[in-house]
């Protein structure tokens, strides 16, 4: 079936373009700051399903640009979901753990109360609510700590910094599951196919890589796998201030995704090895 994807060069969208049935729209073809145009694109392409893999992801900048972030992350997904509902086709929307407060140590369940602590999280929550309100066949897939060989992400940042530094300080009190973009893409496609057959599977789900680690632990794994000798100093979040508050607890409970769609959590360590080999082959 033809699947229309919003997003073209982002981490997940790039992985989605590996699927032959995908038609991916770039920003010039579908500008998320124009929600009506996004809905029109769905009607024009008349796909069998749609996936929103595009977003306003500049977390710190969103603190001063919340209005635009809310249009892109809130209004646009809502318009997409309404267009899909009118055509009775599945709509899969990627969201984030930032919709939660980040408190505690227990993995967040899809039905836990939301309490975003920054503008980015609020804008993403607005999108979730708009998608649900559209009333169609939908799945909201919350994820965390996305990485791949494309785009900007923690893996590539660590490799860049270690190119000319042998000592780095990395936050150690933020805990989450690094999630390979390819696993997210595969999950979105599987969900779209299953939603086409069963609208009752509509809902909010979580996907994150296993096992959970801190950013400092993740950095250590990156350098070990890449064969780089870097001395890491664990630091608390308070010693690395940013305009937007980051959650300390980004753990996600992914059980319902497995129960409903038979999709298990990916092992990020295996994916990391693949991503590093892919990056090495590009140099």
C-alpha atoms as a PDB file:
ATOM      1  CA  UNK A   1       0.000   0.000   0.000  1.00  0.00           C
ATOM      2  CA  UNK A   2       1.103   3.573  -0.613  1.00  0.00           C
ATOM      3  CA  UNK A   3       2.171   5.302   2.596  1.00  0.00           C
ATOM      4  CA  UNK A   4       2.507   9.086   2.648  1.00  0.00           C
ATOM      5  CA  UNK A   5       5.242  10.293   4.989  1.00  0.00           C
ATOM      6  CA  UNK A   6       5.611  13.846   6.266  1.00  0.00           C
ATOM      7  CA  UNK A   7       9.316  14.457   6.623  1.00  0.00           C
ATOM      8  CA  UNK A   8      12.100  13.632   4.193  1.00  0.00           C
ATOM      9  CA  UNK A   9      15.587  14.163   5.604  1.00  0.00           C
ATOM     10  CA  UNK A  10      15.032  13.600   9.329  1.00  0.00           C
ATOM     11  CA  UNK A  11      16.291  10.504  11.090  1.00  0.00           C
ATOM     12  CA  UNK A  12      13.060   8.502  11.015  1.00  0.00           C
ATOM     13  CA  UNK A  13      11.907   9.822   7.641  1.00  0.00           C
ATOM     14  CA  UNK A  14      15.219   8.801   6.075  1.00  0.00           C
ATOM     15  CA  UNK A  15      14.724   5.270   7.396  1.00  0.00           C
ATOM     16  CA  UNK A  16      11.123   5.236   6.167  1.00  0.00           C
ATOM     17  CA  UNK A  17      12.305   6.097   2.655  1.00  0.00           C
ATOM     18  CA  UNK A  18      13.928   2.665   2.523  1.00  0.00           C
ATOM     19  CA  UNK A  19      10.456   1.189   2.081  1.00  0.00           C
ATOM     20  CA  UNK A  20       9.412   1.086  -1.608  1.00  0.00           C
ATOM     21  CA  UNK A  21       5.782   1.900  -0.848  1.00  0.00           C
ATOM     22  CA  UNK A  22       6.665   5.174   0.870  1.00  0.00           C
ATOM     23  CA  UNK A  23       6.181   8.605  -0.689  1.00  0.00           C
ATOM     24  CA  UNK A  24       8.047  11.108   1.507  1.00  0.00           C
ATOM     25  CA  UNK A  25       7.249  14.814   1.367  1.00  0.00           C
ATOM     26  CA  UNK A  26       9.944  17.420   1.917  1.00  0.00           C
ATOM     27  CA  UNK A  27       9.341  20.755   3.606  1.00  0.00           C
ATOM     28  CA  UNK A  28       8.810  22.448   0.238  1.00  0.00           C
ATOM     29  CA  UNK A  29       6.156  19.851  -0.617  1.00  0.00           C
ATOM     30  CA  UNK A  30       4.400  20.004   2.748  1.00  0.00           C
ATOM     31  CA  UNK A  31       5.228  22.839   5.129  1.00  0.00           C
ATOM     32  CA  UNK A  32       4.054  21.924   8.636  1.00  0.00           C
ATOM     33  CA  UNK A  33       3.725  25.610   9.485  1.00  0.00           C
ATOM     34  CA  UNK A  34       0.726  25.482   7.099  1.00  0.00           C
ATOM     35  CA  UNK A  35      -1.582  22.796   8.566  1.00  0.00           C
ATOM     36  CA  UNK A  36      -4.182  23.233   5.828  1.00  0.00           C
ATOM     37  CA  UNK A  37      -1.557  22.451   3.168  1.00  0.00           C
ATOM     38  CA  UNK A  38      -0.647  19.238   5.009  1.00  0.00           C
ATOM     39  CA  UNK A  39      -4.271  18.124   5.011  1.00  0.00           C
ATOM     40  CA  UNK A  40      -4.525  19.021   1.312  1.00  0.00           C
ATOM     41  CA  UNK A  41      -1.476  16.879   0.549  1.00  0.00           C
ATOM     42  CA  UNK A  42      -3.172  13.855   2.091  1.00  0.00           C
ATOM     43  CA  UNK A  43      -6.298  14.409   0.047  1.00  0.00           C
ATOM     44  CA  UNK A  44      -4.270  14.922  -3.132  1.00  0.00           C
ATOM     45  CA  UNK A  45      -2.135  11.778  -2.742  1.00  0.00           C
ATOM     46  CA  UNK A  46      -5.007   9.648  -1.413  1.00  0.00           C
ATOM     47  CA  UNK A  47      -2.614   7.176   0.254  1.00  0.00           C
ATOM     48  CA  UNK A  48      -3.570   3.991   2.087  1.00  0.00           C
ATOM     49  CA  UNK A  49      -1.938   5.378   5.252  1.00  0.00           C
ATOM     50  CA  UNK A  50      -0.022   8.432   6.465  1.00  0.00           C
ATOM     51  CA  UNK A  51       2.859   8.810   8.918  1.00  0.00           C
ATOM     52  CA  UNK A  52       4.003  12.070  10.473  1.00  0.00           C
ATOM     53  CA  UNK A  53       7.763  11.841  10.970  1.00  0.00           C
ATOM     54  CA  UNK A  54       8.321  15.603  10.854  1.00  0.00           C
ATOM     55  CA  UNK A  55       8.384  17.984  13.808  1.00  0.00           C
ATOM     56  CA  UNK A  56       9.781  21.124  15.346  1.00  0.00           C
ATOM     57  CA  UNK A  57      12.615  19.496  17.319  1.00  0.00           C
ATOM     58  CA  UNK A  58      14.737  22.471  18.448  1.00  0.00           C
ATOM     59  CA  UNK A  59      13.949  21.923  22.123  1.00  0.00           C
ATOM     60  CA  UNK A  60      15.797  24.942  23.514  1.00  0.00           C
ATOM     61  CA  UNK A  61      14.712  27.314  20.745  1.00  0.00           C
ATOM     62  CA  UNK A  62      11.085  26.368  21.375  1.00  0.00           C
ATOM     63  CA  UNK A  63      11.256  28.183  24.703  1.00  0.00           C
ATOM     64  CA  UNK A  64      11.254  31.462  22.757  1.00  0.00           C
ATOM     65  CA  UNK A  65       9.316  30.204  19.746  1.00  0.00           C
ATOM     66  CA  UNK A  66       6.492  28.234  21.330  1.00  0.00           C
ATOM     67  CA  UNK A  67       3.829  29.622  19.007  1.00  0.00           C
ATOM     68  CA  UNK A  68       5.518  28.234  15.894  1.00  0.00           C
ATOM     69  CA  UNK A  69       6.403  24.976  17.660  1.00  0.00           C
ATOM     70  CA  UNK A  70       2.747  24.544  18.565  1.00  0.00           C
ATOM     71  CA  UNK A  71       1.606  25.081  14.995  1.00  0.00           C
ATOM     72  CA  UNK A  72       4.085  22.530  13.662  1.00  0.00           C
ATOM     73  CA  UNK A  73       3.812  19.989  16.477  1.00  0.00           C
ATOM     74  CA  UNK A  74       0.198  20.602  17.436  1.00  0.00           C
ATOM     75  CA  UNK A  75      -1.973  22.095  14.712  1.00  0.00           C
ATOM     76  CA  UNK A  76      -0.380  20.310  11.748  1.00  0.00           C
ATOM     77  CA  UNK A  77      -0.738  16.756  13.136  1.00  0.00           C
ATOM     78  CA  UNK A  78      -4.331  17.597  14.027  1.00  0.00           C
ATOM     79  CA  UNK A  79      -5.058  18.661  10.456  1.00  0.00           C
ATOM     80  CA  UNK A  80      -3.363  15.522   9.118  1.00  0.00           C
ATOM     81  CA  UNK A  81      -5.377  13.309  11.455  1.00  0.00           C
ATOM     82  CA  UNK A  82      -8.654  14.962  10.422  1.00  0.00           C
ATOM     83  CA  UNK A  83      -7.834  14.425   6.738  1.00  0.00           C
ATOM     84  CA  UNK A  84      -6.999  10.764   7.400  1.00  0.00           C
ATOM     85  CA  UNK A  85     -10.173  10.298   9.436  1.00  0.00           C
ATOM     86  CA  UNK A  86     -12.242  11.668   6.554  1.00  0.00           C
ATOM     87  CA  UNK A  87     -10.633   9.093   4.234  1.00  0.00           C
ATOM     88  CA  UNK A  88     -10.799   6.360   6.905  1.00  0.00           C
ATOM     89  CA  UNK A  89      -7.083   5.589   6.590  1.00  0.00           C
ATOM     90  CA  UNK A  90      -4.520   4.982   9.352  1.00  0.00           C
ATOM     91  CA  UNK A  91      -2.526   7.893  10.700  1.00  0.00           C
ATOM     92  CA  UNK A  92       0.651   7.241  12.705  1.00  0.00           C
ATOM     93  CA  UNK A  93       2.131  10.164  14.621  1.00  0.00           C
ATOM     94  CA  UNK A  94       5.504  10.163  16.377  1.00  0.00           C
ATOM     95  CA  UNK A  95       5.612  11.848  19.773  1.00  0.00           C
ATOM     96  CA  UNK A  96       7.973  12.000  22.735  1.00  0.00           C
ATOM     97  CA  UNK A  97       8.590  11.194  26.392  1.00  0.00           C
ATOM     98  CA  UNK A  98       8.797  14.975  26.948  1.00  0.00           C
ATOM     99  CA  UNK A  99       5.012  15.008  27.432  1.00  0.00           C
ATOM    100  CA  UNK A 100       5.663  13.601  30.929  1.00  0.00           C
ATOM    101  CA  UNK A 101       7.059  15.387  33.983  1.00  0.00           C
ATOM    102  CA  UNK A 102      10.291  13.382  34.028  1.00  0.00           C
ATOM    103  CA  UNK A 103       9.888  12.669  37.743  1.00  0.00           C
ATOM    104  CA  UNK A 104      10.470   9.381  39.553  1.00  0.00           C
ATOM    105  CA  UNK A 105      12.165   6.234  38.338  1.00  0.00           C
ATOM    106  CA  UNK A 106       9.255   4.099  37.106  1.00  0.00           C
ATOM    107  CA  UNK A 107       8.881   3.708  33.305  1.00  0.00           C
ATOM    108  CA  UNK A 108       6.034   5.840  31.988  1.00  0.00           C
ATOM    109  CA  UNK A 109       2.930   3.989  30.790  1.00  0.00           C
ATOM    110  CA  UNK A 110       0.874   5.350  27.866  1.00  0.00           C
ATOM    111  CA  UNK A 111      -2.035   6.179  30.167  1.00  0.00           C
ATOM    112  CA  UNK A 112       0.015   7.942  32.841  1.00  0.00           C
ATOM    113  CA  UNK A 113      -0.842  11.620  33.482  1.00  0.00           C
ATOM    114  CA  UNK A 114       1.034  14.034  31.244  1.00  0.00           C
ATOM    115  CA  UNK A 115       2.818  17.113  32.592  1.00  0.00           C
ATOM    116  CA  UNK A 116       5.316  18.547  30.094  1.00  0.00           C
ATOM    117  CA  UNK A 117       8.032  20.711  31.647  1.00  0.00           C
ATOM    118  CA  UNK A 118       9.033  22.726  28.579  1.00  0.00           C
ATOM    119  CA  UNK A 119       7.586  24.358  25.479  1.00  0.00           C
ATOM    120  CA  UNK A 120       8.579  21.504  23.180  1.00  0.00           C
ATOM    121  CA  UNK A 121       6.749  19.002  25.390  1.00  0.00           C
ATOM    122  CA  UNK A 122       3.662  21.204  25.513  1.00  0.00           C
ATOM    123  CA  UNK A 123       3.618  21.535  21.730  1.00  0.00           C
ATOM    124  CA  UNK A 124       3.906  17.760  21.289  1.00  0.00           C
ATOM    125  CA  UNK A 125       1.131  17.137  23.791  1.00  0.00           C
ATOM    126  CA  UNK A 126      -1.077  19.552  21.842  1.00  0.00           C
ATOM    127  CA  UNK A 127      -0.461  17.392  18.784  1.00  0.00           C
ATOM    128  CA  UNK A 128      -1.373  14.215  20.620  1.00  0.00           C
ATOM    129  CA  UNK A 129      -4.643  15.686  21.815  1.00  0.00           C
ATOM    130  CA  UNK A 130      -5.527  16.932  18.333  1.00  0.00           C
ATOM    131  CA  UNK A 131      -4.837  13.527  16.792  1.00  0.00           C
ATOM    132  CA  UNK A 132      -7.045  11.762  19.332  1.00  0.00           C
ATOM    133  CA  UNK A 133      -9.814  14.346  18.866  1.00  0.00           C
ATOM    134  CA  UNK A 134      -9.907  13.696  15.104  1.00  0.00           C
ATOM    135  CA  UNK A 135     -11.522  10.344  15.851  1.00  0.00           C
ATOM    136  CA  UNK A 136      -9.960   8.297  13.063  1.00  0.00           C
ATOM    137  CA  UNK A 137      -7.691   5.264  12.855  1.00  0.00           C
ATOM    138  CA  UNK A 138      -4.622   6.487  14.665  1.00  0.00           C
ATOM    139  CA  UNK A 139      -1.564   5.520  16.638  1.00  0.00           C
ATOM    140  CA  UNK A 140       0.570   7.933  18.608  1.00  0.00           C
ATOM    141  CA  UNK A 141       4.029   6.461  19.102  1.00  0.00           C
ATOM    142  CA  UNK A 142       6.007   8.093  21.896  1.00  0.00           C
ATOM    143  CA  UNK A 143       9.724   7.458  21.733  1.00  0.00           C
ATOM    144  CA  UNK A 144      12.994   8.777  23.172  1.00  0.00           C
ATOM    145  CA  UNK A 145      16.681   9.414  22.521  1.00  0.00           C
ATOM    146  CA  UNK A 146      16.556   8.747  18.764  1.00  0.00           C
ATOM    147  CA  UNK A 147      19.808   7.954  16.972  1.00  0.00           C
ATOM    148  CA  UNK A 148      20.938   6.910  13.502  1.00  0.00           C
ATOM    149  CA  UNK A 149      23.650   7.595  10.944  1.00  0.00           C
ATOM    150  CA  UNK A 150      21.631  10.564   9.652  1.00  0.00           C
ATOM    151  CA  UNK A 151      20.812  13.970  11.062  1.00  0.00           C
ATOM    152  CA  UNK A 152      21.863  15.410  14.390  1.00  0.00           C
ATOM    153  CA  UNK A 153      21.867  13.084  17.382  1.00  0.00           C
ATOM    154  CA  UNK A 154      23.848  12.140  20.493  1.00  0.00           C
ATOM    155  CA  UNK A 155      25.927   9.445  18.795  1.00  0.00           C
ATOM    156  CA  UNK A 156      27.199  11.785  16.115  1.00  0.00           C
ATOM    157  CA  UNK A 157      27.780  14.562  18.655  1.00  0.00           C
ATOM    158  CA  UNK A 158      29.920  12.293  20.846  1.00  0.00           C
ATOM    159  CA  UNK A 159      31.960  11.128  17.856  1.00  0.00           C
ATOM    160  CA  UNK A 160      32.510  14.723  16.749  1.00  0.00           C
ATOM    161  CA  UNK A 161      33.582  15.910  20.192  1.00  0.00           C
ATOM    162  CA  UNK A 162      35.928  12.980  20.690  1.00  0.00           C
ATOM    163  CA  UNK A 163      37.665  13.850  17.440  1.00  0.00           C
ATOM    164  CA  UNK A 164      39.757  16.474  19.213  1.00  0.00           C
ATOM    165  CA  UNK A 165      39.100  15.840  22.927  1.00  0.00           C
ATOM    166  CA  UNK A 166      40.089  12.906  25.092  1.00  0.00           C
ATOM    167  CA  UNK A 167      38.056  14.015  28.127  1.00  0.00           C
ATOM    168  CA  UNK A 168      34.351  14.784  28.226  1.00  0.00           C
ATOM    169  CA  UNK A 169      31.788  15.556  30.936  1.00  0.00           C
ATOM    170  CA  UNK A 170      28.413  13.911  30.288  1.00  0.00           C
ATOM    171  CA  UNK A 171      25.139  14.044  32.227  1.00  0.00           C
ATOM    172  CA  UNK A 172      24.578  10.936  34.313  1.00  0.00           C
ATOM    173  CA  UNK A 173      21.247  11.524  36.100  1.00  0.00           C
ATOM    174  CA  UNK A 174      18.985  11.521  33.035  1.00  0.00           C
ATOM    175  CA  UNK A 175      17.887   7.943  32.336  1.00  0.00           C
ATOM    176  CA  UNK A 176      16.189   6.639  29.204  1.00  0.00           C
ATOM    177  CA  UNK A 177      16.223   4.166  26.354  1.00  0.00           C
ATOM    178  CA  UNK A 178      18.245   5.088  23.250  1.00  0.00           C
ATOM    179  CA  UNK A 179      16.053   4.245  20.253  1.00  0.00           C
ATOM    180  CA  UNK A 180      17.337   3.449  16.752  1.00  0.00           C
ATOM    181  CA  UNK A 181      15.498   5.427  14.073  1.00  0.00           C
ATOM    182  CA  UNK A 182      15.269   2.320  11.899  1.00  0.00           C
ATOM    183  CA  UNK A 183      13.309   0.515  14.612  1.00  0.00           C
ATOM    184  CA  UNK A 184      10.916   3.469  14.840  1.00  0.00           C
ATOM    185  CA  UNK A 185      10.414   3.433  11.072  1.00  0.00           C
ATOM    186  CA  UNK A 186       9.759  -0.306  11.003  1.00  0.00           C
ATOM    187  CA  UNK A 187       7.339   0.040  13.893  1.00  0.00           C
ATOM    188  CA  UNK A 188       5.421   2.845  12.195  1.00  0.00           C
ATOM    189  CA  UNK A 189       5.021   0.780   9.033  1.00  0.00           C
ATOM    190  CA  UNK A 190       3.869  -2.280  10.934  1.00  0.00           C
ATOM    191  CA  UNK A 191       1.372  -0.253  12.923  1.00  0.00           C
ATOM    192  CA  UNK A 192      -0.020   1.357   9.760  1.00  0.00           C
ATOM    193  CA  UNK A 193      -0.632  -2.053   8.174  1.00  0.00           C
ATOM    194  CA  UNK A 194      -2.316  -3.423  11.276  1.00  0.00           C
ATOM    195  CA  UNK A 195      -4.458  -0.329  11.814  1.00  0.00           C
ATOM    196  CA  UNK A 196      -5.767  -0.670   8.278  1.00  0.00           C
ATOM    197  CA  UNK A 197      -7.194  -4.046   9.270  1.00  0.00           C
ATOM    198  CA  UNK A 198      -8.316  -3.194  12.799  1.00  0.00           C
ATOM    199  CA  UNK A 199      -9.351   0.298  13.918  1.00  0.00           C
ATOM    200  CA  UNK A 200      -9.732  -0.995  17.475  1.00  0.00           C
ATOM    201  CA  UNK A 201      -5.939  -0.966  17.763  1.00  0.00           C
ATOM    202  CA  UNK A 202      -6.000   2.831  17.720  1.00  0.00           C
ATOM    203  CA  UNK A 203      -4.339   4.421  20.737  1.00  0.00           C
ATOM    204  CA  UNK A 204      -1.160   5.726  22.320  1.00  0.00           C
ATOM    205  CA  UNK A 205       1.898   3.461  22.497  1.00  0.00           C
ATOM    206  CA  UNK A 206       5.534   3.625  23.591  1.00  0.00           C
ATOM    207  CA  UNK A 207       8.716   2.472  21.894  1.00  0.00           C
ATOM    208  CA  UNK A 208      12.206   2.877  23.304  1.00  0.00           C
ATOM    209  CA  UNK A 209      15.406   0.892  23.114  1.00  0.00           C
ATOM    210  CA  UNK A 210      16.579  -1.485  25.812  1.00  0.00           C
ATOM    211  CA  UNK A 211      18.243  -1.465  28.245  1.00  0.00           C
ATOM    212  CA  UNK A 212      17.786   1.914  29.921  1.00  0.00           C
ATOM    213  CA  UNK A 213      20.988   3.879  30.548  1.00  0.00           C
ATOM    214  CA  UNK A 214      22.171   7.365  31.405  1.00  0.00           C
ATOM    215  CA  UNK A 215      23.607   9.682  28.777  1.00  0.00           C
ATOM    216  CA  UNK A 216      27.011   9.036  30.309  1.00  0.00           C
ATOM    217  CA  UNK A 217      26.521   5.257  30.050  1.00  0.00           C
ATOM    218  CA  UNK A 218      25.417   5.667  26.443  1.00  0.00           C
ATOM    219  CA  UNK A 219      28.515   7.741  25.673  1.00  0.00           C
ATOM    220  CA  UNK A 220      30.718   5.070  27.214  1.00  0.00           C
ATOM    221  CA  UNK A 221      29.119   2.436  24.985  1.00  0.00           C
ATOM    222  CA  UNK A 222      29.606   4.624  21.914  1.00  0.00           C
ATOM    223  CA  UNK A 223      33.314   5.117  22.562  1.00  0.00           C
ATOM    224  CA  UNK A 224      33.857   1.459  23.410  1.00  0.00           C
ATOM    225  CA  UNK A 225      32.128   0.333  20.216  1.00  0.00           C
ATOM    226  CA  UNK A 226      33.978   2.944  18.140  1.00  0.00           C
ATOM    227  CA  UNK A 227      37.338   2.033  19.675  1.00  0.00           C
ATOM    228  CA  UNK A 228      37.999   5.512  21.018  1.00  0.00           C
ATOM    229  CA  UNK A 229      39.742   6.205  24.309  1.00  0.00           C
ATOM    230  CA  UNK A 230      37.890   8.991  26.060  1.00  0.00           C
ATOM    231  CA  UNK A 231      37.835   9.697  29.789  1.00  0.00           C
ATOM    232  CA  UNK A 232      34.255  10.411  30.859  1.00  0.00           C
ATOM    233  CA  UNK A 233      33.292  12.463  33.895  1.00  0.00           C
ATOM    234  CA  UNK A 234      29.690  11.923  35.062  1.00  0.00           C
ATOM    235  CA  UNK A 235      27.924  15.173  35.971  1.00  0.00           C
ATOM    236  CA  UNK A 236      24.421  16.035  37.235  1.00  0.00           C
ATOM    237  CA  UNK A 237      21.948  17.913  35.076  1.00  0.00           C
ATOM    238  CA  UNK A 238      22.350  21.028  37.232  1.00  0.00           C
ATOM    239  CA  UNK A 239      25.942  21.301  36.021  1.00  0.00           C
ATOM    240  CA  UNK A 240      24.815  21.374  32.375  1.00  0.00           C
ATOM    241  CA  UNK A 241      22.113  24.084  32.290  1.00  0.00           C
ATOM    242  CA  UNK A 242      19.981  24.507  29.168  1.00  0.00           C
ATOM    243  CA  UNK A 243      17.134  26.932  28.330  1.00  0.00           C
ATOM    244  CA  UNK A 244      14.619  24.062  28.312  1.00  0.00           C
ATOM    245  CA  UNK A 245      14.279  21.712  31.266  1.00  0.00           C
ATOM    246  CA  UNK A 246      15.218  18.109  30.419  1.00  0.00           C
ATOM    247  CA  UNK A 247      13.433  15.155  32.058  1.00  0.00           C
ATOM    248  CA  UNK A 248      15.446  13.029  34.473  1.00  0.00           C
ATOM    249  CA  UNK A 249      13.207  10.030  33.887  1.00  0.00           C
ATOM    250  CA  UNK A 250      12.723   9.214  30.205  1.00  0.00           C
ATOM    251  CA  UNK A 251      12.003   5.519  30.796  1.00  0.00           C
ATOM    252  CA  UNK A 252       9.049   4.239  28.753  1.00  0.00           C
ATOM    253  CA  UNK A 253       6.900   1.193  29.444  1.00  0.00           C
ATOM    254  CA  UNK A 254       6.497  -0.476  26.048  1.00  0.00           C
ATOM    255  CA  UNK A 255       4.420  -3.496  27.071  1.00  0.00           C
ATOM    256  CA  UNK A 256       1.195  -2.466  25.320  1.00  0.00           C
ATOM    257  CA  UNK A 257       3.010  -2.102  21.992  1.00  0.00           C
ATOM    258  CA  UNK A 258       4.063  -5.729  22.267  1.00  0.00           C
ATOM    259  CA  UNK A 259       0.654  -6.931  23.453  1.00  0.00           C
ATOM    260  CA  UNK A 260      -1.313  -5.186  20.694  1.00  0.00           C
ATOM    261  CA  UNK A 261       1.102  -5.148  17.736  1.00  0.00           C
ATOM    262  CA  UNK A 262       3.607  -7.911  18.695  1.00  0.00           C
ATOM    263  CA  UNK A 263       6.461  -5.403  18.423  1.00  0.00           C
ATOM    264  CA  UNK A 264       9.277  -5.868  20.935  1.00  0.00           C
ATOM    265  CA  UNK A 265      11.723  -3.274  22.187  1.00  0.00           C
ATOM    266  CA  UNK A 266      14.915  -3.065  20.085  1.00  0.00           C
ATOM    267  CA  UNK A 267      18.338  -3.664  21.629  1.00  0.00           C
ATOM    268  CA  UNK A 268      20.073  -0.339  21.041  1.00  0.00           C
ATOM    269  CA  UNK A 269      23.507  -1.925  21.459  1.00  0.00           C
ATOM    270  CA  UNK A 270      23.132  -3.996  18.284  1.00  0.00           C
ATOM    271  CA  UNK A 271      21.772  -0.969  16.431  1.00  0.00           C
ATOM    272  CA  UNK A 272      24.668   1.177  17.661  1.00  0.00           C
ATOM    273  CA  UNK A 273      27.166  -1.217  16.113  1.00  0.00           C
ATOM    274  CA  UNK A 274      25.329  -1.022  12.790  1.00  0.00           C
ATOM    275  CA  UNK A 275      25.110   2.782  12.899  1.00  0.00           C
ATOM    276  CA  UNK A 276      28.833   3.151  13.647  1.00  0.00           C
ATOM    277  CA  UNK A 277      29.700   0.858  10.752  1.00  0.00           C
ATOM    278  CA  UNK A 278      27.437   2.880   8.490  1.00  0.00           C
ATOM    279  CA  UNK A 279      29.106   6.115   9.545  1.00  0.00           C
ATOM    280  CA  UNK A 280      32.566   4.598   9.057  1.00  0.00           C
ATOM    281  CA  UNK A 281      31.680   3.503   5.532  1.00  0.00           C
ATOM    282  CA  UNK A 282      30.711   7.100   4.700  1.00  0.00           C
ATOM    283  CA  UNK A 283      34.113   8.536   5.621  1.00  0.00           C
END
